[in-house]
């Protein structure tokens, strides 16, 4: 998602699309949300106080692991 800015509460998100059907297939937040297994990586900071983590413009896909890798800007506070 572009235009989310660094001050977007709870971060931004990255989506994957089916180019043939022109539909979204999946989406993932760049900052762990409630229910995410990585939620506690912010040391108890509530979601509404988590900012930053804007997705980078480059990513990579590993078909062997079926994983997408992407970088993010700095999270804060």
Foldseek 3Di string as FASTA:
>chain_A
DPPCDQANQLADKDWDADVVVRDTDDMDGQADDPPDPCNCVVVPDHRRQKTFFQWDPDWDADPVVRDIGTGTDDIDD
